[in-house]
Amino acid sequence: MEAMRYLAGYPPHLLQQVHRLIEEGRLGESVSQRYSERHEVRTDRALVEYTNTLKARHLRSAPPLHRVAFDSHLQVVRQALGEHARVSRVQGSRLKAKHEIRVATVFRDAPAAFLRMIVVHELAHLKEPEHDKAFYALCTHMEADYHQLEFDTRLWLTARELEGPR
């Protein structure tokens, strides 16, 4: 099923439950019941403040962020839900790396927990570049329910896609 592309890699028993919710037309409703709290982060400036607050709380010794923004060019399926980039620039005889975080604009309208999960994920890349055990340990250190939130974010994206354009 094409709509299940956000859920590739999850076990079949979970996918069967999701498929049943889709058939009953209750997927979007079930996600919105669990995550009704919306966030107030609507602008790039607010996203910078939000991200820096989380960074200060959990990753004080991490390198500074030079840019944080919503990005309408991120393709949610093809690329990622957010993106951490190390941009190298030559300054005189030195090579300087600047860290940037971009979050897909679809998360302006997402529940608060989903935006937090995306930002935590991208912040974890400041310390751990690969998606390995240490990376996910850092994610769960910053957000205890990280794995559940990631799954529920994918459910929310699936429900949005099934509902069609807004």
Foldseek 3Di string as FASTA:
>chain_A
DVLCLLVPPDDPVVVVVLVVCVVVVCLQVVLCVVFVAADPPQFQVSQVVVLVVLCVVQPVPFDDADGEGEDQPDDPRPHHQKDWDWDWDDDPPDIDTHIYIYGHNVSSGPGPLLSVLRSLLRSLCSPPVDPDPVSVVSSCVSPVCNVVSSVSVSSNSSSVVVVPDD
